[in-house]
């Protein structure tokens, strides 16, 4: 999406917080966008998975092992540093706490933990769940992002269409909340979730009451972790430089 914003192919993007912050941290004023809103207030739950027959049964077994990631700098890569930081396994900033095995796709990650080319990987819980249910992989834990998970960015933060867009998204969120049966039917039909999983997912996700604006503290926390992961460098990277519309709440 960052490439599309820079190529003027799209005006607005909604994506994971760490992706936007990483792009802004690396490119600064040349990134071509700023953060203007908060779509989801809740953190993202990353499930920690290994091969179905592996003798790895909990997170304590993962120290100094091989982590499968989609690519260097991705969310699955960054969350490895969050996991290591939580368990006090981090070494020096930017030095991976695990042997990193880039594998591009979710399918290749599942294959790798079974053929032992990787020991574990992390992916969104409900996307992973069907593969626990069918016995392809094994769940050994979970970890949450230390930040709210989805942000809205704009190529032009002064775009006069933004207020109407915020209002429309807010209306859509209210409709979604007010029609839970319809929401579950849509998710289970279009997003490859079972109806039961869609109902459980709805209980875990908290959309913003008002999507306009973002908390500087949230972006500062994201920068802190991305520095530890070596995704962004330097002390001159500031949350205030990334945000076009601020708000005072924590999400």
Protein backbone atom coordinates (compact mmCIF):
# COMPACT_ATOMS: atom_id res chain seq x y z
CA UNK A 1 0.00 0.00 0.00
CA UNK A 2 2.89 2.38 0.65
CA UNK A 3 4.04 1.89 -2.94
CA UNK A 4 0.49 2.58 -4.17
CA UNK A 5 0.27 5.76 -2.09
CA UNK A 6 3.58 6.98 -3.46
CA UNK A 7 2.51 6.17 -7.01
CA UNK A 8 -0.74 8.16 -6.57
CA UNK A 9 -2.75 5.00 -7.17
CA UNK A 10 -4.64 5.39 -3.88
CA UNK A 11 -5.32 8.35 -1.58
CA UNK A 12 -6.04 6.47 1.67
CA UNK A 13 -4.73 3.29 3.28
CA UNK A 14 -5.94 1.22 6.23
CA UNK A 15 -3.32 -1.20 7.53
CA UNK A 16 -1.35 -2.54 10.45
CA UNK A 17 0.18 0.11 12.69
CA UNK A 18 3.72 -1.27 12.56
CA UNK A 19 3.74 -1.25 8.76
CA UNK A 20 2.88 2.42 8.51
CA UNK A 21 5.31 3.40 11.27
CA UNK A 22 8.10 1.37 9.68
CA UNK A 23 7.55 3.10 6.34
CA UNK A 24 7.52 6.56 7.90
CA UNK A 25 10.52 5.74 10.07
CA UNK A 26 12.60 4.64 7.10
CA UNK A 27 11.54 7.30 4.62
CA UNK A 28 10.56 10.28 6.77
CA UNK A 29 9.16 13.16 4.75
CA UNK A 30 9.69 11.21 1.54
CA UNK A 31 7.19 8.53 2.59
CA UNK A 32 4.36 10.47 0.97
CA UNK A 33 1.71 9.97 3.67
CA UNK A 34 0.84 10.71 7.31
CA UNK A 35 -1.24 8.88 9.92
CA UNK A 36 -4.68 10.45 10.30
CA UNK A 37 -6.87 7.90 12.07
CA UNK A 38 -7.39 4.82 14.24
CA UNK A 39 -9.56 2.07 12.77
CA UNK A 40 -9.20 -0.61 15.46
CA UNK A 41 -8.56 0.17 19.14
CA UNK A 42 -7.69 -3.37 20.23
CA UNK A 43 -4.30 -5.02 19.76
CA UNK A 44 -3.81 -7.88 17.31
CA UNK A 45 -3.47 -11.38 18.74
CA UNK A 46 -0.61 -13.30 17.12
CA UNK A 47 -0.80 -17.05 17.65
CA UNK A 48 2.52 -18.87 18.09
CA UNK A 49 2.63 -22.10 16.08
CA UNK A 50 4.90 -25.06 15.50
CA UNK A 51 4.64 -28.34 13.62
CA UNK A 52 1.93 -30.77 14.62
CA UNK A 53 4.40 -33.48 15.64
CA UNK A 54 7.19 -31.27 16.97
CA UNK A 55 8.39 -31.69 20.54
CA UNK A 56 7.97 -27.98 21.19
CA UNK A 57 5.14 -27.48 23.61
CA UNK A 58 5.42 -23.98 25.08
CA UNK A 59 7.07 -20.62 24.54
CA UNK A 60 9.95 -21.40 26.92
CA UNK A 61 11.21 -23.94 24.37
CA UNK A 62 11.71 -21.25 21.70
CA UNK A 63 14.85 -19.52 22.96
CA UNK A 64 17.67 -19.65 20.35
CA UNK A 65 15.48 -21.49 17.83
CA UNK A 66 14.54 -20.73 14.20
CA UNK A 67 11.63 -18.37 13.54
CA UNK A 68 9.78 -18.45 10.25
CA UNK A 69 8.72 -15.01 8.98
CA UNK A 70 7.04 -13.78 5.82
CA UNK A 71 9.86 -11.29 5.17
CA UNK A 72 12.44 -9.24 7.05
CA UNK A 73 10.73 -6.22 8.63
CA UNK A 74 7.21 -7.69 8.41
CA UNK A 75 4.81 -8.00 11.33
CA UNK A 76 5.75 -11.66 11.78
CA UNK A 77 9.40 -10.55 12.00
CA UNK A 78 8.79 -7.62 14.37
CA UNK A 79 6.67 -9.76 16.70
CA UNK A 80 9.67 -12.04 17.17
CA UNK A 81 11.38 -9.11 18.86
CA UNK A 82 8.27 -8.40 20.95
CA UNK A 83 8.27 -12.05 22.07
CA UNK A 84 11.99 -11.96 22.88
CA UNK A 85 11.65 -8.62 24.68
CA UNK A 86 8.80 -10.00 26.79
CA UNK A 87 10.91 -13.02 27.76
CA UNK A 88 14.16 -11.02 28.20
CA UNK A 89 15.89 -12.84 25.36
CA UNK A 90 16.89 -9.72 23.43
CA UNK A 91 20.54 -9.17 22.66
CA UNK A 92 21.74 -5.88 21.17
CA UNK A 93 19.26 -3.65 19.26
CA UNK A 94 18.66 -4.93 15.75
CA UNK A 95 20.30 -8.30 16.42
CA UNK A 96 17.69 -11.02 15.79
CA UNK A 97 17.04 -13.07 18.95
CA UNK A 98 16.27 -16.10 16.75
CA UNK A 99 17.65 -17.50 13.53
CA UNK A 100 15.37 -15.88 10.95
CA UNK A 101 13.97 -17.91 8.04
CA UNK A 102 12.07 -15.73 5.49
CA UNK A 103 9.37 -17.82 3.79
CA UNK A 104 7.02 -15.30 2.08
CA UNK A 105 3.66 -17.03 2.53
CA UNK A 106 1.47 -18.45 5.28
CA UNK A 107 1.40 -21.81 3.47
CA UNK A 108 5.20 -22.00 3.38
CA UNK A 109 5.38 -21.10 7.08
CA UNK A 110 3.08 -23.99 7.95
CA UNK A 111 5.11 -26.33 5.78
CA UNK A 112 8.41 -25.18 7.32
CA UNK A 113 7.47 -25.92 10.93
CA UNK A 114 6.52 -29.43 9.90
CA UNK A 115 9.64 -30.17 7.84
CA UNK A 116 11.80 -28.53 10.57
CA UNK A 117 13.32 -25.83 8.36
CA UNK A 118 11.77 -23.47 10.96
CA UNK A 119 10.80 -24.15 14.55
CA UNK A 120 7.93 -21.73 14.97
CA UNK A 121 6.13 -18.77 13.44
CA UNK A 122 3.55 -16.20 14.47
CA UNK A 123 0.37 -15.33 12.57
CA UNK A 124 -3.02 -13.83 13.39
CA UNK A 125 -4.92 -16.20 15.67
CA UNK A 126 -8.18 -16.70 13.79
CA UNK A 127 -6.43 -17.06 10.43
CA UNK A 128 -4.34 -19.82 12.01
CA UNK A 129 -7.15 -21.56 13.87
CA UNK A 130 -8.52 -23.68 11.04
CA UNK A 131 -5.07 -25.28 10.73
CA UNK A 132 -5.09 -26.17 14.42
CA UNK A 133 -8.54 -27.65 13.97
CA UNK A 134 -7.43 -29.83 11.03
CA UNK A 135 -4.22 -30.92 12.79
CA UNK A 136 -1.74 -29.37 10.34
CA UNK A 137 0.03 -27.22 12.96
CA UNK A 138 0.09 -26.93 16.76
CA UNK A 139 -0.58 -23.83 18.86
CA UNK A 140 1.87 -23.26 21.71
CA UNK A 141 1.00 -19.72 22.80
CA UNK A 142 -0.02 -16.24 21.83
CA UNK A 143 1.21 -12.68 22.10
CA UNK A 144 -0.48 -9.33 21.53
CA UNK A 145 0.90 -6.27 19.80
CA UNK A 146 1.84 -3.59 22.37
CA UNK A 147 -0.18 -1.11 20.26
CA UNK A 148 -3.66 -0.83 18.76
CA UNK A 149 -3.59 -2.72 15.53
CA UNK A 150 -5.01 -0.78 12.56
CA UNK A 151 -4.39 2.81 11.50
CA UNK A 152 -5.60 5.04 8.68
CA UNK A 153 -3.15 7.06 6.60
CA UNK A 154 -3.64 9.72 3.97
CA UNK A 155 -1.47 10.82 1.10
CA UNK A 156 -2.79 14.37 1.68
CA UNK A 157 -3.73 15.04 5.32
CA UNK A 158 -5.35 18.31 4.20
CA UNK A 159 -7.69 16.55 1.76
CA UNK A 160 -11.09 18.17 2.22
CA UNK A 161 -12.79 14.79 1.74
CA UNK A 162 -11.33 13.35 4.97
CA UNK A 163 -14.10 14.52 7.36
CA UNK A 164 -16.78 12.89 5.18
CA UNK A 165 -14.70 9.73 4.98
CA UNK A 166 -14.31 9.58 8.78
CA UNK A 167 -18.07 10.05 9.18
CA UNK A 168 -18.80 7.26 6.68
CA UNK A 169 -16.45 4.83 8.41
CA UNK A 170 -17.96 5.69 11.78
CA UNK A 171 -21.42 4.99 10.39
CA UNK A 172 -20.24 1.68 8.98
CA UNK A 173 -18.79 0.64 12.33
CA UNK A 174 -22.04 1.51 14.09
CA UNK A 175 -24.01 -0.56 11.57
CA UNK A 176 -21.61 -3.46 12.00
CA UNK A 177 -22.03 -3.35 15.78
CA UNK A 178 -25.80 -2.97 15.62
CA UNK A 179 -26.30 -5.94 13.26
CA UNK A 180 -24.19 -8.74 14.77
CA UNK A 181 -26.03 -11.58 13.00
CA UNK A 182 -25.51 -9.97 9.61
CA UNK A 183 -21.87 -9.24 10.51
CA UNK A 184 -21.21 -12.87 11.47
CA UNK A 185 -22.86 -14.10 8.26
CA UNK A 186 -20.69 -11.76 6.19
CA UNK A 187 -17.46 -12.79 7.93
CA UNK A 188 -18.18 -16.51 7.76
CA UNK A 189 -19.17 -16.27 4.09
CA UNK A 190 -16.43 -13.97 2.79
CA UNK A 191 -13.41 -14.35 5.10
CA UNK A 192 -12.99 -18.13 5.39
CA UNK A 193 -14.02 -18.19 9.06
CA UNK A 194 -16.51 -20.63 10.52
CA UNK A 195 -19.60 -19.03 12.04
CA UNK A 196 -18.35 -20.02 15.51
CA UNK A 197 -14.94 -18.42 14.90
CA UNK A 198 -16.58 -15.28 13.49
CA UNK A 199 -18.62 -14.94 16.67
CA UNK A 200 -15.52 -15.39 18.82
CA UNK A 201 -13.55 -12.91 16.69
CA UNK A 202 -16.25 -10.27 17.17
CA UNK A 203 -15.73 -10.53 20.93
CA UNK A 204 -12.00 -9.76 20.60
CA UNK A 205 -11.97 -6.82 18.21
CA UNK A 206 -12.80 -3.28 19.29
CA UNK A 207 -13.38 -0.79 16.51
CA UNK A 208 -12.93 2.92 17.23
CA UNK A 209 -15.99 4.93 18.23
CA UNK A 210 -14.49 7.78 16.24
CA UNK A 211 -11.77 6.86 13.77
CA UNK A 212 -10.38 10.37 13.36
CA UNK A 213 -6.97 10.94 14.95
CA UNK A 214 -4.26 8.84 16.58
CA UNK A 215 -2.52 8.86 19.95
CA UNK A 216 1.11 9.97 19.89
CA UNK A 217 1.87 7.56 22.76
CA UNK A 218 0.79 4.61 20.61
CA UNK A 219 3.11 5.61 17.79
CA UNK A 220 5.97 6.25 20.23
CA UNK A 221 5.58 2.69 21.61
CA UNK A 222 5.63 1.28 18.08
CA UNK A 223 8.79 3.23 17.25
CA UNK A 224 10.45 1.89 20.41
CA UNK A 225 9.86 -1.73 19.39
CA UNK A 226 10.82 -1.14 15.75
CA UNK A 227 14.11 0.35 16.93
CA UNK A 228 14.79 -2.78 18.98
CA UNK A 229 14.03 -4.84 15.88
CA UNK A 230 16.44 -2.79 13.79
CA UNK A 231 13.63 -1.88 11.39
CA UNK A 232 14.15 1.84 11.95
CA UNK A 233 17.25 3.63 13.19
CA UNK A 234 18.24 6.89 14.80
CA UNK A 235 16.91 9.02 17.62
CA UNK A 236 15.56 11.66 15.26
CA UNK A 237 12.55 9.49 14.30
CA UNK A 238 9.66 11.11 16.17
CA UNK A 239 5.99 10.15 16.48
CA UNK A 240 4.93 13.78 16.07
CA UNK A 241 6.48 13.82 12.59
CA UNK A 242 4.35 10.84 11.52
CA UNK A 243 0.97 12.05 12.75
CA UNK A 244 -1.20 14.58 10.92
CA UNK A 245 -4.26 14.35 13.21
CA UNK A 246 -3.67 13.73 16.93
CA UNK A 247 -5.97 12.66 19.72
CA UNK A 248 -5.38 12.25 23.44
CA UNK A 249 -6.72 8.72 24.05
CA UNK A 250 -4.27 5.81 24.32
CA UNK A 251 -5.25 3.84 21.22
